[in-house]
């Protein structure tokens, strides 16, 4: 018959293994989340750039509209992300 201490050690080892598995999964999920957020940011920037280009039609001889500064694009991105 196994001792109580032995049973507790077995349970502790199993809990330690499970915790390590979950840490590895969390690392993987965080990496995937970072990649997804980067894709989202690129999509938002592309949409903002397109909207800006469509909003200001260029007539013959006019200079093309200036692009939004990068800081403003990031500001708008975060504002939309928090909605």
C-alpha atoms as a PDB file:
ATOM      1  CA  UNK A   1       0.000   0.000   0.000  1.00  0.00           C
ATOM      2  CA  UNK A   2       1.346   3.423  -0.975  1.00  0.00           C
ATOM      3  CA  UNK A   3       2.017   5.968   1.711  1.00  0.00           C
ATOM      4  CA  UNK A   4       0.039   9.187   1.986  1.00  0.00           C
ATOM      5  CA  UNK A   5       3.248  11.135   1.357  1.00  0.00           C
ATOM      6  CA  UNK A   6       3.881   9.105  -1.798  1.00  0.00           C
ATOM      7  CA  UNK A   7       0.363   9.769  -3.070  1.00  0.00           C
ATOM      8  CA  UNK A   8       0.765  13.494  -2.461  1.00  0.00           C
ATOM      9  CA  UNK A   9       4.109  13.495  -4.311  1.00  0.00           C
ATOM     10  CA  UNK A  10       2.492  11.796  -7.306  1.00  0.00           C
ATOM     11  CA  UNK A  11      -0.306  14.367  -7.342  1.00  0.00           C
ATOM     12  CA  UNK A  12       2.204  17.206  -6.999  1.00  0.00           C
ATOM     13  CA  UNK A  13       4.231  15.880  -9.934  1.00  0.00           C
ATOM     14  CA  UNK A  14       1.080  15.622 -12.066  1.00  0.00           C
ATOM     15  CA  UNK A  15       0.100  19.194 -11.153  1.00  0.00           C
ATOM     16  CA  UNK A  16       3.614  20.395 -12.015  1.00  0.00           C
ATOM     17  CA  UNK A  17       3.435  18.707 -15.443  1.00  0.00           C
ATOM     18  CA  UNK A  18       0.007  20.221 -16.132  1.00  0.00           C
ATOM     19  CA  UNK A  19       1.198  23.691 -15.105  1.00  0.00           C
ATOM     20  CA  UNK A  20       4.168  23.422 -17.472  1.00  0.00           C
ATOM     21  CA  UNK A  21       1.904  22.280 -20.324  1.00  0.00           C
ATOM     22  CA  UNK A  22      -0.366  25.274 -19.719  1.00  0.00           C
ATOM     23  CA  UNK A  23       2.629  27.663 -19.630  1.00  0.00           C
ATOM     24  CA  UNK A  24       3.759  26.336 -23.004  1.00  0.00           C
ATOM     25  CA  UNK A  25       0.255  26.703 -24.416  1.00  0.00           C
ATOM     26  CA  UNK A  26      -0.007  30.248 -23.034  1.00  0.00           C
ATOM     27  CA  UNK A  27       3.299  31.165 -24.696  1.00  0.00           C
ATOM     28  CA  UNK A  28       2.032  29.787 -27.996  1.00  0.00           C
ATOM     29  CA  UNK A  29      -1.283  31.649 -27.700  1.00  0.00           C
ATOM     30  CA  UNK A  30       0.477  34.922 -26.818  1.00  0.00           C
ATOM     31  CA  UNK A  31       2.739  34.581 -29.842  1.00  0.00           C
ATOM     32  CA  UNK A  32      -0.250  33.886 -32.087  1.00  0.00           C
ATOM     33  CA  UNK A  33      -2.108  36.849 -30.560  1.00  0.00           C
ATOM     34  CA  UNK A  34       0.849  39.116 -31.313  1.00  0.00           C
ATOM     35  CA  UNK A  35       0.840  38.002 -34.938  1.00  0.00           C
ATOM     36  CA  UNK A  36      -2.935  38.509 -35.232  1.00  0.00           C
ATOM     37  CA  UNK A  37      -2.692  42.003 -33.736  1.00  0.00           C
ATOM     38  CA  UNK A  38       0.064  42.915 -36.208  1.00  0.00           C
ATOM     39  CA  UNK A  39      -2.140  41.766 -39.096  1.00  0.00           C
ATOM     40  CA  UNK A  40      -5.054  43.752 -37.688  1.00  0.00           C
ATOM     41  CA  UNK A  41      -2.915  46.874 -37.387  1.00  0.00           C
ATOM     42  CA  UNK A  42      -1.792  46.539 -41.014  1.00  0.00           C
ATOM     43  CA  UNK A  43      -5.421  46.118 -42.132  1.00  0.00           C
ATOM     44  CA  UNK A  44      -6.523  49.207 -40.191  1.00  0.00           C
ATOM     45  CA  UNK A  45      -3.694  51.256 -41.670  1.00  0.00           C
ATOM     46  CA  UNK A  46      -4.546  50.058 -45.179  1.00  0.00           C
ATOM     47  CA  UNK A  47      -8.223  50.951 -44.689  1.00  0.00           C
ATOM     48  CA  UNK A  48      -7.337  54.403 -43.326  1.00  0.00           C
ATOM     49  CA  UNK A  49      -4.961  55.040 -46.208  1.00  0.00           C
ATOM     50  CA  UNK A  50      -7.615  54.002 -48.719  1.00  0.00           C
ATOM     51  CA  UNK A  51     -10.297  56.142 -47.046  1.00  0.00           C
ATOM     52  CA  UNK A  52      -7.979  59.138 -47.084  1.00  0.00           C
ATOM     53  CA  UNK A  53      -7.119  58.627 -50.734  1.00  0.00           C
ATOM     54  CA  UNK A  54     -10.781  58.292 -51.696  1.00  0.00           C
ATOM     55  CA  UNK A  55     -11.872  61.297 -49.613  1.00  0.00           C
ATOM     56  CA  UNK A  56      -9.658  63.794 -51.427  1.00  0.00           C
ATOM     57  CA  UNK A  57     -10.034  63.494 -55.195  1.00  0.00           C
ATOM     58  CA  UNK A  58      -7.056  64.855 -57.071  1.00  0.00           C
ATOM     59  CA  UNK A  59      -7.811  67.295 -59.858  1.00  0.00           C
ATOM     60  CA  UNK A  60      -5.461  67.855 -62.753  1.00  0.00           C
ATOM     61  CA  UNK A  61      -2.458  69.848 -61.598  1.00  0.00           C
ATOM     62  CA  UNK A  62      -3.201  69.448 -57.896  1.00  0.00           C
ATOM     63  CA  UNK A  63      -0.626  67.962 -55.599  1.00  0.00           C
ATOM     64  CA  UNK A  64      -1.572  64.573 -54.199  1.00  0.00           C
ATOM     65  CA  UNK A  65      -2.977  64.663 -50.650  1.00  0.00           C
ATOM     66  CA  UNK A  66      -0.501  64.211 -47.850  1.00  0.00           C
ATOM     67  CA  UNK A  67      -0.567  60.921 -46.027  1.00  0.00           C
ATOM     68  CA  UNK A  68      -1.511  60.770 -42.385  1.00  0.00           C
ATOM     69  CA  UNK A  69       1.507  60.885 -40.099  1.00  0.00           C
ATOM     70  CA  UNK A  70       2.333  57.497 -38.634  1.00  0.00           C
ATOM     71  CA  UNK A  71       1.528  58.746 -35.122  1.00  0.00           C
ATOM     72  CA  UNK A  72      -2.023  59.674 -36.208  1.00  0.00           C
ATOM     73  CA  UNK A  73      -2.548  56.302 -37.884  1.00  0.00           C
ATOM     74  CA  UNK A  74      -1.529  54.491 -34.703  1.00  0.00           C
ATOM     75  CA  UNK A  75      -3.742  56.822 -32.632  1.00  0.00           C
ATOM     76  CA  UNK A  76      -6.765  56.083 -34.838  1.00  0.00           C
ATOM     77  CA  UNK A  77      -5.958  52.366 -34.786  1.00  0.00           C
ATOM     78  CA  UNK A  78      -5.972  52.250 -30.988  1.00  0.00           C
ATOM     79  CA  UNK A  79      -9.125  54.369 -30.800  1.00  0.00           C
ATOM     80  CA  UNK A  80     -10.968  51.887 -33.057  1.00  0.00           C
ATOM     81  CA  UNK A  81      -9.498  48.911 -31.225  1.00  0.00           C
ATOM     82  CA  UNK A  82     -10.918  50.084 -27.901  1.00  0.00           C
ATOM     83  CA  UNK A  83     -14.482  50.372 -29.236  1.00  0.00           C
END
